[in-house]
């Protein structure tokens, strides 16, 4: 998932021996130094970023988690029970 400032999230799918695995990563307040040697998706002029990098302030990770879970539940038609 790309923003004007770089790659902020990734969705991955792997199928091995008939088993599907999937994952989702969203950089909220991530220390991005580990990404320095990585060229995301092979695009040299687009770095990895975070929500903090895009917004200029660090969002509350728990608030982001609740919003992502609620949005995913709405998209899937699931009424999650979310810890507050």
PDB file of N, CA and C in Angstrom:
ATOM      1  N   UNK A   1       0.865  -1.159   0.000  1.00  0.00           N
ATOM      2  CA  UNK A   1       0.000   0.000   0.000  1.00  0.00           C
ATOM      3  C   UNK A   1       0.911   1.221   0.000  1.00  0.00           C
ATOM      4  N   UNK A   2       0.679   2.104  -0.948  1.00  0.00           N
ATOM      5  CA  UNK A   2       1.565   3.238  -1.147  1.00  0.00           C
ATOM      6  C   UNK A   2       0.895   4.570  -0.804  1.00  0.00           C
ATOM      7  N   UNK A   3       1.702   5.495  -0.289  1.00  0.00           N
ATOM      8  CA  UNK A   3       1.300   6.876  -0.097  1.00  0.00           C
ATOM      9  C   UNK A   3       2.256   7.727  -0.928  1.00  0.00           C
ATOM     10  N   UNK A   4       2.028   9.009  -0.959  1.00  0.00           N
ATOM     11  CA  UNK A   4       2.942   9.898  -1.680  1.00  0.00           C
ATOM     12  C   UNK A   4       4.335   9.889  -1.048  1.00  0.00           C
ATOM     13  N   UNK A   5       4.436   9.522   0.231  1.00  0.00           N
ATOM     14  CA  UNK A   5       5.728   9.496   0.922  1.00  0.00           C
ATOM     15  C   UNK A   5       6.385   8.126   0.926  1.00  0.00           C
ATOM     16  N   UNK A   6       5.725   7.118   0.391  1.00  0.00           N
ATOM     17  CA  UNK A   6       6.333   5.792   0.324  1.00  0.00           C
ATOM     18  C   UNK A   6       5.381   4.683   0.721  1.00  0.00           C
ATOM     19  N   UNK A   7       5.948   3.476   0.808  1.00  0.00           N
ATOM     20  CA  UNK A   7       5.167   2.277   1.132  1.00  0.00           C
ATOM     21  C   UNK A   7       4.871   2.255   2.626  1.00  0.00           C
ATOM     22  N   UNK A   8       3.588   2.192   2.969  1.00  0.00           N
ATOM     23  CA  UNK A   8       3.172   2.272   4.365  1.00  0.00           C
ATOM     24  C   UNK A   8       2.623   0.940   4.895  1.00  0.00           C
ATOM     25  N   UNK A   9       2.197   0.069   3.995  1.00  0.00           N
ATOM     26  CA  UNK A   9       1.612  -1.202   4.415  1.00  0.00           C
ATOM     27  C   UNK A   9       1.838  -2.258   3.347  1.00  0.00           C
ATOM     28  N   UNK A  10       1.718  -3.510   3.759  1.00  0.00           N
ATOM     29  CA  UNK A  10       1.879  -4.618   2.827  1.00  0.00           C
ATOM     30  C   UNK A  10       0.877  -5.718   3.155  1.00  0.00           C
ATOM     31  N   UNK A  11       0.426  -6.365   2.116  1.00  0.00           N
ATOM     32  CA  UNK A  11      -0.448  -7.522   2.251  1.00  0.00           C
ATOM     33  C   UNK A  11       0.235  -8.665   1.514  1.00  0.00           C
ATOM     34  N   UNK A  12       0.386  -9.780   2.187  1.00  0.00           N
ATOM     35  CA  UNK A  12       1.080 -10.899   1.570  1.00  0.00           C
ATOM     36  C   UNK A  12       0.239 -12.156   1.577  1.00  0.00           C
ATOM     37  N   UNK A  13       0.413 -12.965   0.533  1.00  0.00           N
ATOM     38  CA  UNK A  13      -0.272 -14.254   0.424  1.00  0.00           C
ATOM     39  C   UNK A  13       0.749 -15.282  -0.045  1.00  0.00           C
ATOM     40  N   UNK A  14       0.725 -16.437   0.568  1.00  0.00           N
ATOM     41  CA  UNK A  14       1.605 -17.530   0.167  1.00  0.00           C
ATOM     42  C   UNK A  14       0.801 -18.816   0.138  1.00  0.00           C
ATOM     43  N   UNK A  15       1.012 -19.606  -0.888  1.00  0.00           N
ATOM     44  CA  UNK A  15       0.378 -20.918  -0.969  1.00  0.00           C
ATOM     45  C   UNK A  15       1.493 -21.946  -1.051  1.00  0.00           C
ATOM     46  N   UNK A  16       1.519 -22.870  -0.104  1.00  0.00           N
ATOM     47  CA  UNK A  16       2.529 -23.918  -0.074  1.00  0.00           C
ATOM     48  C   UNK A  16       1.865 -25.236   0.295  1.00  0.00           C
ATOM     49  N   UNK A  17       2.031 -26.227  -0.568  1.00  0.00           N
ATOM     50  CA  UNK A  17       1.463 -27.558  -0.323  1.00  0.00           C
ATOM     51  C   UNK A  17      -0.036 -27.503  -0.059  1.00  0.00           C
ATOM     52  N   UNK A  18      -0.720 -26.631  -0.786  1.00  0.00           N
ATOM     53  CA  UNK A  18      -2.165 -26.527  -0.674  1.00  0.00           C
ATOM     54  C   UNK A  18      -2.657 -25.752   0.527  1.00  0.00           C
ATOM     55  N   UNK A  19      -1.755 -25.130   1.265  1.00  0.00           N
ATOM     56  CA  UNK A  19      -2.129 -24.352   2.443  1.00  0.00           C
ATOM     57  C   UNK A  19      -1.895 -22.863   2.134  1.00  0.00           C
ATOM     58  N   UNK A  20      -2.917 -22.059   2.364  1.00  0.00           N
ATOM     59  CA  UNK A  20      -2.810 -20.624   2.117  1.00  0.00           C
ATOM     60  C   UNK A  20      -2.482 -19.908   3.417  1.00  0.00           C
ATOM     61  N   UNK A  21      -1.472 -19.064   3.364  1.00  0.00           N
ATOM     62  CA  UNK A  21      -1.103 -18.217   4.494  1.00  0.00           C
ATOM     63  C   UNK A  21      -1.184 -16.769   4.027  1.00  0.00           C
ATOM     64  N   UNK A  22      -1.585 -15.908   4.912  1.00  0.00           N
ATOM     65  CA  UNK A  22      -1.710 -14.509   4.527  1.00  0.00           C
ATOM     66  C   UNK A  22      -1.331 -13.619   5.705  1.00  0.00           C
ATOM     67  N   UNK A  23      -1.021 -12.384   5.392  1.00  0.00           N
ATOM     68  CA  UNK A  23      -0.642 -11.452   6.441  1.00  0.00           C
ATOM     69  C   UNK A  23      -0.833 -10.019   6.003  1.00  0.00           C
ATOM     70  N   UNK A  24      -0.841  -9.143   6.978  1.00  0.00           N
ATOM     71  CA  UNK A  24      -1.049  -7.721   6.757  1.00  0.00           C
ATOM     72  C   UNK A  24      -0.120  -6.975   7.705  1.00  0.00           C
ATOM     73  N   UNK A  25       0.608  -6.011   7.190  1.00  0.00           N
ATOM     74  CA  UNK A  25       1.498  -5.199   8.023  1.00  0.00           C
ATOM     75  C   UNK A  25       1.242  -3.726   7.736  1.00  0.00           C
ATOM     76  N   UNK A  26       1.064  -2.953   8.785  1.00  0.00           N
ATOM     77  CA  UNK A  26       0.866  -1.512   8.672  1.00  0.00           C
ATOM     78  C   UNK A  26       1.904  -0.839   9.560  1.00  0.00           C
ATOM     79  N   UNK A  27       2.736   0.000   8.963  1.00  0.00           N
ATOM     80  CA  UNK A  27       3.747   0.724   9.732  1.00  0.00           C
ATOM     81  C   UNK A  27       3.091   1.921  10.409  1.00  0.00           C
ATOM     82  N   UNK A  28       2.965   1.839  11.722  1.00  0.00           N
ATOM     83  CA  UNK A  28       2.313   2.902  12.485  1.00  0.00           C
ATOM     84  C   UNK A  28       3.382   3.854  13.029  1.00  0.00           C
ATOM     85  N   UNK A  29       4.207   3.357  13.955  1.00  0.00           N
ATOM     86  CA  UNK A  29       5.301   4.157  14.517  1.00  0.00           C
ATOM     87  C   UNK A  29       6.597   3.365  14.411  1.00  0.00           C
ATOM     88  N   UNK A  30       6.749   2.655  13.332  1.00  0.00           N
ATOM     89  CA  UNK A  30       7.852   1.729  13.114  1.00  0.00           C
ATOM     90  C   UNK A  30       9.197   2.443  12.973  1.00  0.00           C
ATOM     91  N   UNK A  31      10.235   1.859  13.611  1.00  0.00           N
ATOM     92  CA  UNK A  31      11.603   2.328  13.379  1.00  0.00           C
ATOM     93  C   UNK A  31      11.991   1.827  11.990  1.00  0.00           C
ATOM     94  N   UNK A  32      12.148   2.728  11.061  1.00  0.00           N
ATOM     95  CA  UNK A  32      12.343   2.370   9.657  1.00  0.00           C
ATOM     96  C   UNK A  32      13.802   2.154   9.265  1.00  0.00           C
ATOM     97  N   UNK A  33      14.739   2.252  10.204  1.00  0.00           N
ATOM     98  CA  UNK A  33      16.147   2.104   9.843  1.00  0.00           C
ATOM     99  C   UNK A  33      16.457   0.722   9.275  1.00  0.00           C
ATOM    100  N   UNK A  34      15.755  -0.297   9.711  1.00  0.00           N
ATOM    101  CA  UNK A  34      15.987  -1.648   9.177  1.00  0.00           C
ATOM    102  C   UNK A  34      15.611  -1.753   7.700  1.00  0.00           C
ATOM    103  N   UNK A  35      14.782  -0.837   7.227  1.00  0.00           N
ATOM    104  CA  UNK A  35      14.346  -0.851   5.831  1.00  0.00           C
ATOM    105  C   UNK A  35      15.313  -0.110   4.896  1.00  0.00           C
ATOM    106  N   UNK A  36      16.313   0.567   5.462  1.00  0.00           N
ATOM    107  CA  UNK A  36      17.230   1.363   4.635  1.00  0.00           C
ATOM    108  C   UNK A  36      17.817   0.595   3.450  1.00  0.00           C
ATOM    109  N   UNK A  37      18.274  -0.644   3.616  1.00  0.00           N
ATOM    110  CA  UNK A  37      18.863  -1.349   2.470  1.00  0.00           C
ATOM    111  C   UNK A  37      17.826  -1.997   1.537  1.00  0.00           C
ATOM    112  N   UNK A  38      16.559  -1.899   1.867  1.00  0.00           N
ATOM    113  CA  UNK A  38      15.507  -2.562   1.090  1.00  0.00           C
ATOM    114  C   UNK A  38      14.952  -1.613   0.035  1.00  0.00           C
ATOM    115  N   UNK A  39      14.757  -2.138  -1.156  1.00  0.00           N
ATOM    116  CA  UNK A  39      14.094  -1.394  -2.227  1.00  0.00           C
ATOM    117  C   UNK A  39      12.684  -1.977  -2.332  1.00  0.00           C
ATOM    118  N   UNK A  40      11.688  -1.310  -1.745  1.00  0.00           N
ATOM    119  CA  UNK A  40      10.341  -1.889  -1.695  1.00  0.00           C
ATOM    120  C   UNK A  40       9.752  -2.102  -3.086  1.00  0.00           C
ATOM    121  N   UNK A  41       9.343  -3.334  -3.329  1.00  0.00           N
ATOM    122  CA  UNK A  41       8.722  -3.725  -4.601  1.00  0.00           C
ATOM    123  C   UNK A  41       9.628  -3.404  -5.801  1.00  0.00           C
ATOM    124  N   UNK A  42      10.927  -3.235  -5.570  1.00  0.00           N
ATOM    125  CA  UNK A  42      11.852  -2.948  -6.649  1.00  0.00           C
ATOM    126  C   UNK A  42      11.763  -1.531  -7.191  1.00  0.00           C
ATOM    127  N   UNK A  43      11.094  -0.651  -6.466  1.00  0.00           N
ATOM    128  CA  UNK A  43      10.931   0.739  -6.912  1.00  0.00           C
ATOM    129  C   UNK A  43      11.949   1.589  -6.163  1.00  0.00           C
ATOM    130  N   UNK A  44      13.011   2.019  -6.855  1.00  0.00           N
ATOM    131  CA  UNK A  44      14.152   2.659  -6.193  1.00  0.00           C
ATOM    132  C   UNK A  44      13.860   4.044  -5.633  1.00  0.00           C
ATOM    133  N   UNK A  45      12.917   4.769  -6.186  1.00  0.00           N
ATOM    134  CA  UNK A  45      12.690   6.136  -5.715  1.00  0.00           C
ATOM    135  C   UNK A  45      11.508   6.262  -4.760  1.00  0.00           C
ATOM    136  N   UNK A  46      11.056   5.153  -4.204  1.00  0.00           N
ATOM    137  CA  UNK A  46       9.930   5.170  -3.265  1.00  0.00           C
ATOM    138  C   UNK A  46      10.344   4.442  -1.986  1.00  0.00           C
ATOM    139  N   UNK A  47      10.555   5.145  -0.892  1.00  0.00           N
ATOM    140  CA  UNK A  47      10.997   4.515   0.356  1.00  0.00           C
ATOM    141  C   UNK A  47       9.849   3.861   1.116  1.00  0.00           C
ATOM    142  N   UNK A  48      10.202   3.229   2.217  1.00  0.00           N
ATOM    143  CA  UNK A  48       9.214   2.720   3.167  1.00  0.00           C
ATOM    144  C   UNK A  48       8.919   3.858   4.138  1.00  0.00           C
ATOM    145  N   UNK A  49       7.670   4.010   4.535  1.00  0.00           N
ATOM    146  CA  UNK A  49       7.291   5.063   5.479  1.00  0.00           C
ATOM    147  C   UNK A  49       6.363   4.488   6.547  1.00  0.00           C
ATOM    148  N   UNK A  50       5.872   5.345   7.389  1.00  0.00           N
ATOM    149  CA  UNK A  50       4.955   4.945   8.463  1.00  0.00           C
ATOM    150  C   UNK A  50       3.847   5.987   8.566  1.00  0.00           C
ATOM    151  N   UNK A  51       2.827   5.654   9.348  1.00  0.00           N
ATOM    152  CA  UNK A  51       1.776   6.639   9.589  1.00  0.00           C
ATOM    153  C   UNK A  51       2.368   7.876  10.261  1.00  0.00           C
ATOM    154  N   UNK A  52       3.304   7.663  11.183  1.00  0.00           N
ATOM    155  CA  UNK A  52       3.961   8.791  11.843  1.00  0.00           C
ATOM    156  C   UNK A  52       4.697   9.661  10.821  1.00  0.00           C
ATOM    157  N   UNK A  53       5.361   9.036   9.857  1.00  0.00           N
ATOM    158  CA  UNK A  53       6.068   9.784   8.830  1.00  0.00           C
ATOM    159  C   UNK A  53       5.144  10.567   7.922  1.00  0.00           C
ATOM    160  N   UNK A  54       3.984  10.004   7.628  1.00  0.00           N
ATOM    161  CA  UNK A  54       3.011  10.684   6.757  1.00  0.00           C
ATOM    162  C   UNK A  54       2.284  11.798   7.505  1.00  0.00           C
ATOM    163  N   UNK A  55       1.888  11.510   8.747  1.00  0.00           N
ATOM    164  CA  UNK A  55       1.092  12.475   9.513  1.00  0.00           C
ATOM    165  C   UNK A  55       1.926  13.536  10.222  1.00  0.00           C
ATOM    166  N   UNK A  56       3.200  13.232  10.483  1.00  0.00           N
ATOM    167  CA  UNK A  56       4.043  14.166  11.221  1.00  0.00           C
ATOM    168  C   UNK A  56       3.923  14.039  12.722  1.00  0.00           C
ATOM    169  N   UNK A  57       3.034  13.183  13.198  1.00  0.00           N
ATOM    170  CA  UNK A  57       2.871  12.893  14.626  1.00  0.00           C
ATOM    171  C   UNK A  57       2.638  11.399  14.779  1.00  0.00           C
ATOM    172  N   UNK A  58       2.985  10.886  15.941  1.00  0.00           N
ATOM    173  CA  UNK A  58       2.802   9.459  16.198  1.00  0.00           C
ATOM    174  C   UNK A  58       1.358   9.180  16.613  1.00  0.00           C
ATOM    175  N   UNK A  59       0.623   8.411  15.812  1.00  0.00           N
ATOM    176  CA  UNK A  59      -0.741   8.061  16.221  1.00  0.00           C
ATOM    177  C   UNK A  59      -0.711   7.026  17.341  1.00  0.00           C
ATOM    178  N   UNK A  60      -1.791   6.954  18.080  1.00  0.00           N
ATOM    179  CA  UNK A  60      -1.916   5.973  19.157  1.00  0.00           C
ATOM    180  C   UNK A  60      -2.084   4.581  18.541  1.00  0.00           C
ATOM    181  N   UNK A  61      -1.131   3.658  18.773  1.00  0.00           N
ATOM    182  CA  UNK A  61      -1.228   2.329  18.169  1.00  0.00           C
ATOM    183  C   UNK A  61      -2.519   1.587  18.517  1.00  0.00           C
ATOM    184  N   UNK A  62      -3.021   1.750  19.739  1.00  0.00           N
ATOM    185  CA  UNK A  62      -4.267   1.070  20.108  1.00  0.00           C
ATOM    186  C   UNK A  62      -5.454   1.632  19.334  1.00  0.00           C
ATOM    187  N   UNK A  63      -5.474   2.934  19.117  1.00  0.00           N
ATOM    188  CA  UNK A  63      -6.555   3.544  18.338  1.00  0.00           C
ATOM    189  C   UNK A  63      -6.489   3.062  16.879  1.00  0.00           C
ATOM    190  N   UNK A  64      -5.274   2.945  16.349  1.00  0.00           N
ATOM    191  CA  UNK A  64      -5.114   2.435  14.975  1.00  0.00           C
ATOM    192  C   UNK A  64      -5.592   0.992  14.900  1.00  0.00           C
ATOM    193  N   UNK A  65      -5.196   0.177  15.877  1.00  0.00           N
ATOM    194  CA  UNK A  65      -5.619  -1.233  15.904  1.00  0.00           C
ATOM    195  C   UNK A  65      -7.136  -1.344  15.919  1.00  0.00           C
ATOM    196  N   UNK A  66      -7.785  -0.577  16.776  1.00  0.00           N
ATOM    197  CA  UNK A  66      -9.248  -0.635  16.858  1.00  0.00           C
ATOM    198  C   UNK A  66      -9.887  -0.202  15.538  1.00  0.00           C
ATOM    199  N   UNK A  67      -9.352   0.838  14.917  1.00  0.00           N
ATOM    200  CA  UNK A  67      -9.913   1.322  13.651  1.00  0.00           C
ATOM    201  C   UNK A  67      -9.733   0.296  12.536  1.00  0.00           C
ATOM    202  N   UNK A  68      -8.560  -0.339  12.477  1.00  0.00           N
ATOM    203  CA  UNK A  68      -8.307  -1.353  11.444  1.00  0.00           C
ATOM    204  C   UNK A  68      -9.224  -2.556  11.645  1.00  0.00           C
ATOM    205  N   UNK A  69      -9.339  -3.011  12.877  1.00  0.00           N
ATOM    206  CA  UNK A  69     -10.196  -4.165  13.169  1.00  0.00           C
ATOM    207  C   UNK A  69     -11.657  -3.844  12.842  1.00  0.00           C
ATOM    208  N   UNK A  70     -12.116  -2.668  13.228  1.00  0.00           N
ATOM    209  CA  UNK A  70     -13.504  -2.282  12.943  1.00  0.00           C
ATOM    210  C   UNK A  70     -13.749  -2.190  11.438  1.00  0.00           C
ATOM    211  N   UNK A  71     -12.820  -1.593  10.718  1.00  0.00           N
ATOM    212  CA  UNK A  71     -12.978  -1.451   9.272  1.00  0.00           C
ATOM    213  C   UNK A  71     -12.967  -2.808   8.570  1.00  0.00           C
ATOM    214  N   UNK A  72     -12.061  -3.686   8.998  1.00  0.00           N
ATOM    215  CA  UNK A  72     -12.016  -5.033   8.419  1.00  0.00           C
ATOM    216  C   UNK A  72     -13.310  -5.775   8.712  1.00  0.00           C
ATOM    217  N   UNK A  73     -13.807  -5.666   9.938  1.00  0.00           N
ATOM    218  CA  UNK A  73     -15.065  -6.317  10.291  1.00  0.00           C
ATOM    219  C   UNK A  73     -16.220  -5.820   9.439  1.00  0.00           C
ATOM    220  N   UNK A  74     -16.280  -4.522   9.226  1.00  0.00           N
ATOM    221  CA  UNK A  74     -17.328  -3.954   8.378  1.00  0.00           C
ATOM    222  C   UNK A  74     -17.224  -4.496   6.958  1.00  0.00           C
ATOM    223  N   UNK A  75     -16.003  -4.530   6.434  1.00  0.00           N
ATOM    224  CA  UNK A  75     -15.800  -5.037   5.062  1.00  0.00           C
ATOM    225  C   UNK A  75     -16.185  -6.504   4.926  1.00  0.00           C
ATOM    226  N   UNK A  76     -15.947  -7.277   5.976  1.00  0.00           N
ATOM    227  CA  UNK A  76     -16.241  -8.716   5.930  1.00  0.00           C
ATOM    228  C   UNK A  76     -17.628  -9.061   6.461  1.00  0.00           C
ATOM    229  N   UNK A  77     -18.336  -8.055   6.972  1.00  0.00           N
ATOM    230  CA  UNK A  77     -19.658  -8.310   7.534  1.00  0.00           C
ATOM    231  C   UNK A  77     -19.586  -9.025   8.880  1.00  0.00           C
ATOM    232  N   UNK A  78     -18.541  -8.751   9.639  1.00  0.00           N
ATOM    233  CA  UNK A  78     -18.323  -9.395  10.940  1.00  0.00           C
ATOM    234  C   UNK A  78     -18.416  -8.349  12.038  1.00  0.00           C
ATOM    235  N   UNK A  79     -19.147  -8.649  13.110  1.00  0.00           N
ATOM    236  CA  UNK A  79     -19.245  -7.756  14.253  1.00  0.00           C
ATOM    237  C   UNK A  79     -18.264  -8.265  15.308  1.00  0.00           C
ATOM    238  N   UNK A  80     -17.027  -7.757  15.251  1.00  0.00           N
ATOM    239  CA  UNK A  80     -15.983  -8.186  16.180  1.00  0.00           C
ATOM    240  C   UNK A  80     -16.298  -7.720  17.591  1.00  0.00           C
ATOM    241  N   UNK A  81     -15.791  -8.450  18.552  1.00  0.00           N
ATOM    242  CA  UNK A  81     -15.787  -7.980  19.929  1.00  0.00           C
ATOM    243  C   UNK A  81     -14.409  -7.375  20.155  1.00  0.00           C
ATOM    244  N   UNK A  82     -14.330  -6.065  20.320  1.00  0.00           N
ATOM    245  CA  UNK A  82     -13.054  -5.370  20.428  1.00  0.00           C
ATOM    246  C   UNK A  82     -12.838  -4.931  21.854  1.00  0.00           C
ATOM    247  N   UNK A  83     -11.655  -5.267  22.398  1.00  0.00           N
ATOM    248  CA  UNK A  83     -11.282  -4.773  23.731  1.00  0.00           C
ATOM    249  C   UNK A  83     -11.077  -3.273  23.635  1.00  0.00           C
ATOM    250  N   UNK A  84     -11.551  -2.560  24.626  1.00  0.00           N
ATOM    251  CA  UNK A  84     -11.361  -1.108  24.634  1.00  0.00           C
ATOM    252  C   UNK A  84     -10.185  -0.704  25.468  1.00  0.00           C
TER     253      UNK A  84
END
